[in-house]
C-alpha atoms as a PDB file:
ATOM      1  CA  MET A   1      62.679 -43.224  23.785  1.00  0.00           C
ATOM      2  CA  ALA A   2      63.613 -45.024  26.816  1.00  0.00           C
ATOM      3  CA  LYS A   3      66.873 -47.335  26.333  1.00  0.00           C
ATOM      4  CA  SER A   4      66.597 -51.075  27.224  1.00  0.00           C
ATOM      5  CA  ALA A   5      68.386 -52.169  30.115  1.00  0.00           C
ATOM      6  CA  MET A   6      71.253 -53.480  27.790  1.00  0.00           C
ATOM      7  CA  GLU A   7      71.893 -50.021  26.516  1.00  0.00           C
ATOM      8  CA  GLN A   8      71.882 -48.124  29.800  1.00  0.00           C
ATOM      9  CA  ARG A   9      75.153 -47.589  31.583  1.00  0.00           C
ATOM     10  CA  LEU A  10      75.898 -46.762  35.154  1.00  0.00           C
ATOM     11  CA  VAL A  11      78.747 -44.279  36.242  1.00  0.00           C
ATOM     12  CA  PHE A  12      80.687 -44.706  39.529  1.00  0.00           C
ATOM     13  CA  PHE A  13      82.351 -41.268  40.550  1.00  0.00           C
ATOM     14  CA  ASP A  14      85.325 -41.656  43.404  1.00  0.00           C
ATOM     15  CA  LEU A  15      86.789 -38.779  45.111  1.00  0.00           C
ATOM     16  CA  GLU A  16      90.051 -38.789  47.265  1.00  0.00           C
ATOM     17  CA  THR A  17      90.603 -35.930  49.506  1.00  0.00           C
ATOM     18  CA  GLY A  18      93.140 -34.661  51.513  1.00  0.00           C
ATOM     19  CA  GLY A  19      91.499 -34.973  54.952  1.00  0.00           C
ATOM     20  CA  LEU A  20      87.922 -35.584  56.210  1.00  0.00           C
ATOM     21  CA  ASP A  21      86.846 -31.905  56.657  1.00  0.00           C
ATOM     22  CA  PRO A  22      85.318 -30.916  53.184  1.00  0.00           C
ATOM     23  CA  LYS A  23      85.467 -27.078  54.641  1.00  0.00           C
ATOM     24  CA  ARG A  24      89.226 -27.242  55.010  1.00  0.00           C
ATOM     25  CA  HIS A  25      90.772 -30.289  53.081  1.00  0.00           C
ATOM     26  CA  PRO A  26      90.846 -30.233  49.185  1.00  0.00           C
ATOM     27  CA  ILE A  27      90.223 -32.872  46.630  1.00  0.00           C
ATOM     28  CA  ILE A  28      93.127 -34.534  45.240  1.00  0.00           C
ATOM     29  CA  GLN A  29      92.242 -36.880  42.872  1.00  0.00           C
ATOM     30  CA  LEU A  30      88.841 -37.980  41.131  1.00  0.00           C
ATOM     31  CA  ALA A  31      87.746 -41.144  39.089  1.00  0.00           C
ATOM     32  CA  ALA A  32      84.842 -42.148  37.245  1.00  0.00           C
ATOM     33  CA  VAL A  33      84.112 -45.797  35.869  1.00  0.00           C
ATOM     34  CA  ALA A  34      81.185 -46.452  33.342  1.00  0.00           C
ATOM     35  CA  VAL A  35      79.587 -49.730  33.340  1.00  0.00           C
ATOM     36  CA  ASP A  36      76.976 -51.803  31.316  1.00  0.00           C
ATOM     37  CA  ALA A  37      74.082 -53.591  32.724  1.00  0.00           C
ATOM     38  CA  GLY A  38      76.090 -56.520  33.103  1.00  0.00           C
ATOM     39  CA  LEU A  39      78.692 -54.498  35.196  1.00  0.00           C
ATOM     40  CA  GLU A  40      81.370 -54.804  32.396  1.00  0.00           C
ATOM     41  CA  VAL A  41      83.500 -51.753  32.222  1.00  0.00           C
ATOM     42  CA  LEU A  42      83.149 -49.562  29.166  1.00  0.00           C
ATOM     43  CA  GLU A  43      85.309 -46.612  30.223  1.00  0.00           C
ATOM     44  CA  ALA A  44      87.323 -45.372  32.975  1.00  0.00           C
ATOM     45  CA  PHE A  45      88.641 -41.994  34.035  1.00  0.00           C
ATOM     46  CA  GLU A  46      91.193 -40.973  36.803  1.00  0.00           C
ATOM     47  CA  ALA A  47      92.878 -37.466  37.356  1.00  0.00           C
ATOM     48  CA  LYS A  48      95.115 -36.428  40.195  1.00  0.00           C
ATOM     49  CA  VAL A  49      94.138 -32.439  41.082  1.00  0.00           C
ATOM     50  CA  ILE A  50      96.816 -29.792  41.731  1.00  0.00           C
ATOM     51  CA  PHE A  51      96.103 -28.666  45.442  1.00  0.00           C
ATOM     52  CA  ASP A  52      97.730 -26.649  48.075  1.00  0.00           C
ATOM     53  CA  ARG A  53      99.647 -29.352  50.154  1.00  0.00           C
ATOM     54  CA  ASN A  54      99.351 -26.883  53.165  1.00  0.00           C
ATOM     55  CA  LYS A  55      95.551 -27.101  53.409  1.00  0.00           C
ATOM     56  CA  ALA A  56      95.855 -31.015  53.287  1.00  0.00           C
ATOM     57  CA  ASN A  57      95.850 -33.405  56.209  1.00  0.00           C
ATOM     58  CA  ALA A  58      99.645 -34.842  56.288  1.00  0.00           C
ATOM     59  CA  HIS A  59      98.140 -38.123  57.631  1.00  0.00           C
ATOM     60  CA  SER A  60      95.604 -38.320  54.961  1.00  0.00           C
ATOM     61  CA  LEU A  61      98.044 -37.850  52.336  1.00  0.00           C
ATOM     62  CA  GLN A  62     100.270 -40.797  53.451  1.00  0.00           C
ATOM     63  CA  LEU A  63      97.327 -42.815  53.251  1.00  0.00           C
ATOM     64  CA  GLN A  64      97.066 -42.018  49.357  1.00  0.00           C
ATOM     65  CA  ARG A  65     100.208 -43.428  48.477  1.00  0.00           C
END
């Protein structure tokens, strides 16, 4: 059975990377926020990822601070 609009939730995801080239630069942080139909935050999640700093763009890492 379909949920009403008030029972549904929408989840936004965000990835922070160590540069702009997805083939070379790693994901360094991820986050998600679940909201209800009125855009009220229901749940949130954030995690930093262990990565090889040598594969990241040094300038991008400075911007993340």
